[in-house]
Amino acid sequence: MSDDSAKPSRIRLARGVSPWLLPTAATAAATALLTRKDRRWALAAVPLSALTGGMLWFFRDPDRTPGEGRVLSPADGVVQSIDPWPDGRTRVAIFMSPLNVHVNRAPLAGNVASVQHVAGGFLPAFNKDSDQNERVVWHFETTLGDIEMVQIAGAVARRIVPYLSAGAKVAQGERIGLIRFGSRVDIYLPEGISPAVSVGEKTVAGVTRIDRG
């Protein structure tokens, strides 16, 4: 399923992008003005304008209508792995490429029980040891019990921006945070709930059903 299948009504920019986007856009605009006086400034203006355009695309944040299902995908991307966990849960890992929307969404409605930042490395998200990277661990109190979700930084992603804190109520499919320059999001399905997705399948945050009904 692609981003287009979510049928967004409008496009906005993700919260938390200003430290990256504003300096780049301002520098691009300034060099473009200087180009009017000296064409040599085009050597800087052209790549900076292209970079600004790329960042506008990268940080897009389309509105979406939540899909149907008990557990929805927290991220746009491709299912990288599905692993049984020793405690009976099933981990579904979703890899986010630079082309994906990087705003993550709540897989279920409920309350945010905790949001914990864990320091770590910056291995590529497709590396099997990337679950030891810099990450933010979420726990949601839901009708299915405790649901754990982990935002994982990658080789390029160096900043995870949570939008909510512990104690907040959250609706299914609501925006909960951003991983700048993407990487991976893991969702742990409770014991007894099977995944409805398979490895290699594309997912859309807040739309694709993760659990099998």
C-alpha atoms as a PDB file:
ATOM      1  CA  MET A   1       0.000   0.000   0.000  1.00  0.00           C
ATOM      2  CA  SER A   2       1.468   3.376  -0.939  1.00  0.00           C
ATOM      3  CA  ASP A   3       1.152   6.830   0.637  1.00  0.00           C
ATOM      4  CA  ASP A   4      -1.333   7.781  -2.091  1.00  0.00           C
ATOM      5  CA  SER A   5      -3.767   5.077  -0.977  1.00  0.00           C
ATOM      6  CA  ALA A   6      -4.276   6.993   2.262  1.00  0.00           C
ATOM      7  CA  LYS A   7      -6.043   9.740   0.237  1.00  0.00           C
ATOM      8  CA  PRO A   8      -4.795  12.753   2.236  1.00  0.00           C
ATOM      9  CA  SER A   9      -7.091  15.782   2.189  1.00  0.00           C
ATOM     10  CA  ARG A  10      -4.249  18.250   2.542  1.00  0.00           C
ATOM     11  CA  ILE A  11      -0.514  18.347   3.111  1.00  0.00           C
ATOM     12  CA  ARG A  12       1.183  20.037   6.036  1.00  0.00           C
ATOM     13  CA  LEU A  13       4.743  20.109   7.311  1.00  0.00           C
ATOM     14  CA  ALA A  14       5.618  17.998  10.308  1.00  0.00           C
ATOM     15  CA  ARG A  15       6.122  19.577  13.703  1.00  0.00           C
ATOM     16  CA  GLY A  16       9.746  19.731  14.795  1.00  0.00           C
ATOM     17  CA  VAL A  17      11.299  20.496  11.402  1.00  0.00           C
ATOM     18  CA  SER A  18      12.126  24.190  11.948  1.00  0.00           C
ATOM     19  CA  PRO A  19      15.744  23.727  13.128  1.00  0.00           C
ATOM     20  CA  TRP A  20      16.485  21.936   9.859  1.00  0.00           C
ATOM     21  CA  LEU A  21      14.261  23.620   7.316  1.00  0.00           C
ATOM     22  CA  LEU A  22      14.286  27.326   8.214  1.00  0.00           C
ATOM     23  CA  PRO A  23      18.085  27.924   8.033  1.00  0.00           C
ATOM     24  CA  THR A  24      18.285  26.021   4.741  1.00  0.00           C
ATOM     25  CA  ALA A  25      15.344  27.892   3.187  1.00  0.00           C
ATOM     26  CA  ALA A  26      16.644  31.260   4.411  1.00  0.00           C
ATOM     27  CA  THR A  27      20.112  30.614   2.975  1.00  0.00           C
ATOM     28  CA  ALA A  28      18.610  29.459  -0.325  1.00  0.00           C
ATOM     29  CA  ALA A  29      16.517  32.636  -0.553  1.00  0.00           C
ATOM     30  CA  ALA A  30      19.490  34.862   0.290  1.00  0.00           C
ATOM     31  CA  THR A  31      21.772  33.288  -2.316  1.00  0.00           C
ATOM     32  CA  ALA A  32      18.977  33.479  -4.916  1.00  0.00           C
ATOM     33  CA  LEU A  33      18.750  37.242  -4.336  1.00  0.00           C
ATOM     34  CA  LEU A  34      22.527  37.589  -4.583  1.00  0.00           C
ATOM     35  CA  THR A  35      22.418  35.779  -7.928  1.00  0.00           C
ATOM     36  CA  ARG A  36      20.690  38.860  -9.398  1.00  0.00           C
ATOM     37  CA  LYS A  37      23.859  40.841  -8.711  1.00  0.00           C
ATOM     38  CA  ASP A  38      26.401  38.160  -9.513  1.00  0.00           C
ATOM     39  CA  ARG A  39      25.553  34.973 -11.396  1.00  0.00           C
ATOM     40  CA  ARG A  40      28.329  33.119  -9.650  1.00  0.00           C
ATOM     41  CA  TRP A  41      26.063  32.906  -6.605  1.00  0.00           C
ATOM     42  CA  ALA A  42      23.983  30.441  -8.637  1.00  0.00           C
ATOM     43  CA  LEU A  43      26.594  27.813  -7.775  1.00  0.00           C
ATOM     44  CA  ALA A  44      25.267  27.989  -4.225  1.00  0.00           C
ATOM     45  CA  ALA A  45      21.662  29.020  -4.894  1.00  0.00           C
ATOM     46  CA  VAL A  46      20.770  26.102  -7.158  1.00  0.00           C
ATOM     47  CA  PRO A  47      21.817  23.241  -4.822  1.00  0.00           C
ATOM     48  CA  LEU A  48      20.433  25.052  -1.788  1.00  0.00           C
ATOM     49  CA  SER A  49      17.073  25.532  -3.510  1.00  0.00           C
ATOM     50  CA  ALA A  50      17.068  21.857  -4.492  1.00  0.00           C
ATOM     51  CA  LEU A  51      17.880  20.888  -0.903  1.00  0.00           C
ATOM     52  CA  THR A  52      15.036  23.074   0.400  1.00  0.00           C
ATOM     53  CA  GLY A  53      12.620  21.421  -2.023  1.00  0.00           C
ATOM     54  CA  GLY A  54      13.817  17.992  -0.953  1.00  0.00           C
ATOM     55  CA  MET A  55      13.336  18.851   2.721  1.00  0.00           C
ATOM     56  CA  LEU A  56       9.815  20.147   2.062  1.00  0.00           C
ATOM     57  CA  TRP A  57       9.014  16.769   0.498  1.00  0.00           C
ATOM     58  CA  PHE A  58      10.780  14.794   3.213  1.00  0.00           C
ATOM     59  CA  PHE A  59       8.973  16.591   6.051  1.00  0.00           C
ATOM     60  CA  ARG A  60       5.504  16.378   4.520  1.00  0.00           C
ATOM     61  CA  ASP A  61       2.766  15.359   6.915  1.00  0.00           C
ATOM     62  CA  PRO A  62      -0.459  14.413   5.107  1.00  0.00           C
ATOM     63  CA  ASP A  63      -3.806  14.224   6.869  1.00  0.00           C
ATOM     64  CA  ARG A  64      -5.217  10.709   6.927  1.00  0.00           C
ATOM     65  CA  THR A  65      -8.411   8.883   7.752  1.00  0.00           C
ATOM     66  CA  PRO A  66      -7.578   6.022  10.157  1.00  0.00           C
ATOM     67  CA  GLY A  67      -7.961   2.519   8.768  1.00  0.00           C
ATOM     68  CA  GLU A  68      -9.974  -0.288  10.354  1.00  0.00           C
ATOM     69  CA  GLY A  69      -8.378  -2.695  12.795  1.00  0.00           C
ATOM     70  CA  ARG A  70      -7.464  -3.135  16.437  1.00  0.00           C
ATOM     71  CA  VAL A  71      -3.806  -2.274  15.755  1.00  0.00           C
ATOM     72  CA  LEU A  72      -2.760   0.071  12.948  1.00  0.00           C
ATOM     73  CA  SER A  73       0.712   0.619  11.571  1.00  0.00           C
ATOM     74  CA  PRO A  74       2.649   3.302  13.472  1.00  0.00           C
ATOM     75  CA  ALA A  75       4.848   4.081  10.467  1.00  0.00           C
ATOM     76  CA  ASP A  76       5.075   4.360   6.704  1.00  0.00           C
ATOM     77  CA  GLY A  77       7.579   1.912   5.304  1.00  0.00           C
ATOM     78  CA  VAL A  78       8.235  -1.754   4.637  1.00  0.00           C
ATOM     79  CA  VAL A  79       7.929  -4.617   7.119  1.00  0.00           C
ATOM     80  CA  GLN A  80      11.546  -5.565   7.764  1.00  0.00           C
ATOM     81  CA  SER A  81      11.018  -8.465  10.168  1.00  0.00           C
ATOM     82  CA  ILE A  82       8.412 -10.271  12.252  1.00  0.00           C
ATOM     83  CA  ASP A  83       9.849 -11.951  15.328  1.00  0.00           C
ATOM     84  CA  PRO A  84       8.304 -13.951  18.179  1.00  0.00           C
ATOM     85  CA  TRP A  85       9.429 -12.547  21.541  1.00  0.00           C
ATOM     86  CA  PRO A  86      10.306 -14.665  24.617  1.00  0.00           C
ATOM     87  CA  ASP A  87       7.363 -13.201  26.567  1.00  0.00           C
ATOM     88  CA  GLY A  88       4.838 -14.319  23.937  1.00  0.00           C
ATOM     89  CA  ARG A  89       4.558 -11.024  22.102  1.00  0.00           C
ATOM     90  CA  THR A  90       5.360 -10.567  18.407  1.00  0.00           C
ATOM     91  CA  ARG A  91       7.595  -7.752  17.228  1.00  0.00           C
ATOM     92  CA  VAL A  92       6.822  -6.198  13.852  1.00  0.00           C
ATOM     93  CA  ALA A  93       9.711  -4.001  12.658  1.00  0.00           C
ATOM     94  CA  ILE A  94       8.981  -1.394   9.969  1.00  0.00           C
ATOM     95  CA  PHE A  95      11.855   0.130   8.005  1.00  0.00           C
ATOM     96  CA  MET A  96      11.381   3.765   6.908  1.00  0.00           C
ATOM     97  CA  SER A  97      13.318   4.911   3.846  1.00  0.00           C
ATOM     98  CA  PRO A  98      14.117   8.595   3.126  1.00  0.00           C
ATOM     99  CA  LEU A  99      11.164   8.619   0.696  1.00  0.00           C
ATOM    100  CA  ASN A 100       8.582   7.746   3.345  1.00  0.00           C
ATOM    101  CA  VAL A 101       6.533  10.119   5.494  1.00  0.00           C
ATOM    102  CA  HIS A 102       8.404  10.228   8.806  1.00  0.00           C
ATOM    103  CA  VAL A 103       5.614  11.239  11.176  1.00  0.00           C
ATOM    104  CA  ASN A 104       4.613   8.283  13.344  1.00  0.00           C
ATOM    105  CA  ARG A 105       1.079   7.595  14.570  1.00  0.00           C
ATOM    106  CA  ALA A 106      -0.563   5.844  17.526  1.00  0.00           C
ATOM    107  CA  PRO A 107      -1.352   2.203  16.737  1.00  0.00           C
ATOM    108  CA  LEU A 108      -4.297   2.151  19.181  1.00  0.00           C
ATOM    109  CA  ALA A 109      -6.397   4.565  21.203  1.00  0.00           C
ATOM    110  CA  GLY A 110      -5.566   4.815  24.888  1.00  0.00           C
ATOM    111  CA  ASN A 111      -3.314   6.616  27.328  1.00  0.00           C
ATOM    112  CA  VAL A 112       0.420   7.217  27.038  1.00  0.00           C
ATOM    113  CA  ALA A 113       1.814   5.309  30.020  1.00  0.00           C
ATOM    114  CA  SER A 114       5.445   6.289  29.434  1.00  0.00           C
ATOM    115  CA  VAL A 115       7.821   7.849  26.916  1.00  0.00           C
ATOM    116  CA  GLN A 116      11.466   6.971  27.544  1.00  0.00           C
ATOM    117  CA  HIS A 117      14.518   8.160  25.635  1.00  0.00           C
ATOM    118  CA  VAL A 118      17.311   5.571  25.497  1.00  0.00           C
ATOM    119  CA  ALA A 119      20.789   6.560  24.368  1.00  0.00           C
ATOM    120  CA  GLY A 120      22.501   4.327  21.822  1.00  0.00           C
ATOM    121  CA  GLY A 121      24.376   4.084  18.546  1.00  0.00           C
ATOM    122  CA  PHE A 122      23.474   5.037  14.981  1.00  0.00           C
ATOM    123  CA  LEU A 123      23.785   1.856  12.958  1.00  0.00           C
ATOM    124  CA  PRO A 124      21.867   1.620   9.664  1.00  0.00           C
ATOM    125  CA  ALA A 125      18.235   0.741  10.421  1.00  0.00           C
ATOM    126  CA  PHE A 126      18.440  -2.455   8.342  1.00  0.00           C
ATOM    127  CA  ASN A 127      21.267  -3.775  10.551  1.00  0.00           C
ATOM    128  CA  LYS A 128      20.133  -6.605  12.849  1.00  0.00           C
ATOM    129  CA  ASP A 129      21.709  -4.812  15.837  1.00  0.00           C
ATOM    130  CA  SER A 130      19.996  -1.460  15.158  1.00  0.00           C
ATOM    131  CA  ASP A 131      17.559  -2.083  18.030  1.00  0.00           C
ATOM    132  CA  GLN A 132      20.446  -0.893  20.240  1.00  0.00           C
ATOM    133  CA  ASN A 133      20.443   2.485  18.479  1.00  0.00           C
ATOM    134  CA  GLU A 134      19.279   5.796  19.906  1.00  0.00           C
ATOM    135  CA  ARG A 135      15.563   5.269  20.483  1.00  0.00           C
ATOM    136  CA  VAL A 136      12.370   6.372  22.194  1.00  0.00           C
ATOM    137  CA  VAL A 137      10.312   3.642  23.870  1.00  0.00           C
ATOM    138  CA  TRP A 138       6.551   4.205  24.171  1.00  0.00           C
ATOM    139  CA  HIS A 139       4.048   2.298  26.293  1.00  0.00           C
ATOM    140  CA  PHE A 140       0.324   2.737  25.724  1.00  0.00           C
ATOM    141  CA  GLU A 141      -2.474   1.649  28.044  1.00  0.00           C
ATOM    142  CA  THR A 142      -5.145   0.261  25.717  1.00  0.00           C
ATOM    143  CA  THR A 143      -8.097  -2.115  25.608  1.00  0.00           C
ATOM    144  CA  LEU A 144      -5.597  -4.813  24.565  1.00  0.00           C
ATOM    145  CA  GLY A 145      -3.410  -4.093  27.580  1.00  0.00           C
ATOM    146  CA  ASP A 146       0.083  -2.601  27.466  1.00  0.00           C
ATOM    147  CA  ILE A 147       1.306  -1.919  23.925  1.00  0.00           C
ATOM    148  CA  GLU A 148       4.985  -1.139  23.363  1.00  0.00           C
ATOM    149  CA  MET A 149       6.238   0.871  20.379  1.00  0.00           C
ATOM    150  CA  VAL A 150       9.842   1.896  19.745  1.00  0.00           C
ATOM    151  CA  GLN A 151      11.101   4.684  17.475  1.00  0.00           C
ATOM    152  CA  ILE A 152      14.671   3.864  16.427  1.00  0.00           C
ATOM    153  CA  ALA A 153      17.176   6.293  14.945  1.00  0.00           C
ATOM    154  CA  GLY A 154      19.414   5.120  12.097  1.00  0.00           C
ATOM    155  CA  ALA A 155      22.714   6.077  10.486  1.00  0.00           C
ATOM    156  CA  VAL A 156      21.303   9.399   9.240  1.00  0.00           C
ATOM    157  CA  ALA A 157      18.499   9.986  11.738  1.00  0.00           C
ATOM    158  CA  ARG A 158      19.961  11.701  14.766  1.00  0.00           C
ATOM    159  CA  ARG A 159      16.866  13.175  16.374  1.00  0.00           C
ATOM    160  CA  ILE A 160      13.563  11.707  17.520  1.00  0.00           C
ATOM    161  CA  VAL A 161      10.878  14.261  18.373  1.00  0.00           C
ATOM    162  CA  PRO A 162       8.003  12.976  20.562  1.00  0.00           C
ATOM    163  CA  TYR A 163       4.810  15.031  20.322  1.00  0.00           C
ATOM    164  CA  LEU A 164       3.214  13.647  23.499  1.00  0.00           C
ATOM    165  CA  SER A 165       4.269  12.922  27.053  1.00  0.00           C
ATOM    166  CA  ALA A 166       3.225  10.425  29.713  1.00  0.00           C
ATOM    167  CA  GLY A 167      -0.373  10.857  30.834  1.00  0.00           C
ATOM    168  CA  ALA A 168      -1.688  12.108  27.511  1.00  0.00           C
ATOM    169  CA  LYS A 169      -4.761  10.556  25.944  1.00  0.00           C
ATOM    170  CA  VAL A 170      -4.305   9.497  22.340  1.00  0.00           C
ATOM    171  CA  ALA A 171      -6.676   8.542  19.538  1.00  0.00           C
ATOM    172  CA  GLN A 172      -5.909   5.712  17.139  1.00  0.00           C
ATOM    173  CA  GLY A 173      -3.956   7.084  14.193  1.00  0.00           C
ATOM    174  CA  GLU A 174      -3.077  10.333  15.986  1.00  0.00           C
ATOM    175  CA  ARG A 175       0.336  11.849  15.295  1.00  0.00           C
ATOM    176  CA  ILE A 176       2.693  11.056  18.167  1.00  0.00           C
ATOM    177  CA  GLY A 177       6.172  11.936  16.937  1.00  0.00           C
ATOM    178  CA  LEU A 178       8.753  12.390  14.206  1.00  0.00           C
ATOM    179  CA  ILE A 179      12.039  10.675  13.392  1.00  0.00           C
ATOM    180  CA  ARG A 180      14.103  13.194  11.467  1.00  0.00           C
ATOM    181  CA  PHE A 181      15.512  11.430   8.426  1.00  0.00           C
ATOM    182  CA  GLY A 182      13.744   8.240   9.351  1.00  0.00           C
ATOM    183  CA  SER A 183      14.850   4.704  10.057  1.00  0.00           C
ATOM    184  CA  ARG A 184      12.731   2.157  11.956  1.00  0.00           C
ATOM    185  CA  VAL A 185       9.679   1.722  14.167  1.00  0.00           C
ATOM    186  CA  ASP A 186       8.899  -1.481  16.094  1.00  0.00           C
ATOM    187  CA  ILE A 187       5.447  -2.444  17.377  1.00  0.00           C
ATOM    188  CA  TYR A 188       4.948  -5.336  19.792  1.00  0.00           C
ATOM    189  CA  LEU A 189       1.693  -7.252  19.383  1.00  0.00           C
ATOM    190  CA  PRO A 190       0.339  -8.785  22.612  1.00  0.00           C
ATOM    191  CA  GLU A 191       0.394 -12.538  23.158  1.00  0.00           C
ATOM    192  CA  GLY A 192      -2.383 -14.240  21.225  1.00  0.00           C
ATOM    193  CA  ILE A 193      -2.575 -11.611  18.482  1.00  0.00           C
ATOM    194  CA  SER A 194      -1.133 -12.598  15.095  1.00  0.00           C
ATOM    195  CA  PRO A 195       0.239 -10.104  12.550  1.00  0.00           C
ATOM    196  CA  ALA A 196      -1.831  -9.417   9.441  1.00  0.00           C
ATOM    197  CA  VAL A 197       1.233  -8.218   7.505  1.00  0.00           C
ATOM    198  CA  SER A 198       4.205 -10.110   6.098  1.00  0.00           C
ATOM    199  CA  VAL A 199       7.883  -9.311   5.584  1.00  0.00           C
ATOM    200  CA  GLY A 200       8.357  -7.044   2.568  1.00  0.00           C
ATOM    201  CA  GLU A 201       4.825  -5.619   2.738  1.00  0.00           C
ATOM    202  CA  LYS A 202       4.392  -1.839   2.556  1.00  0.00           C
ATOM    203  CA  THR A 203       2.598  -0.060   5.381  1.00  0.00           C
ATOM    204  CA  VAL A 204       0.947   3.334   5.799  1.00  0.00           C
ATOM    205  CA  ALA A 205       0.933   4.938   9.251  1.00  0.00           C
ATOM    206  CA  GLY A 206      -2.527   5.069  10.774  1.00  0.00           C
ATOM    207  CA  VAL A 207      -4.065   3.178   7.841  1.00  0.00           C
ATOM    208  CA  THR A 208      -2.587  -0.327   7.417  1.00  0.00           C
ATOM    209  CA  ARG A 209      -3.960  -2.959   9.774  1.00  0.00           C
ATOM    210  CA  ILE A 210      -1.209  -4.789  11.657  1.00  0.00           C
ATOM    211  CA  ASP A 211      -3.219  -7.355  13.616  1.00  0.00           C
ATOM    212  CA  ARG A 212      -5.178 -10.269  12.204  1.00  0.00           C
ATOM    213  CA  GLY A 213      -8.852 -10.108  13.125  1.00  0.00           C
END
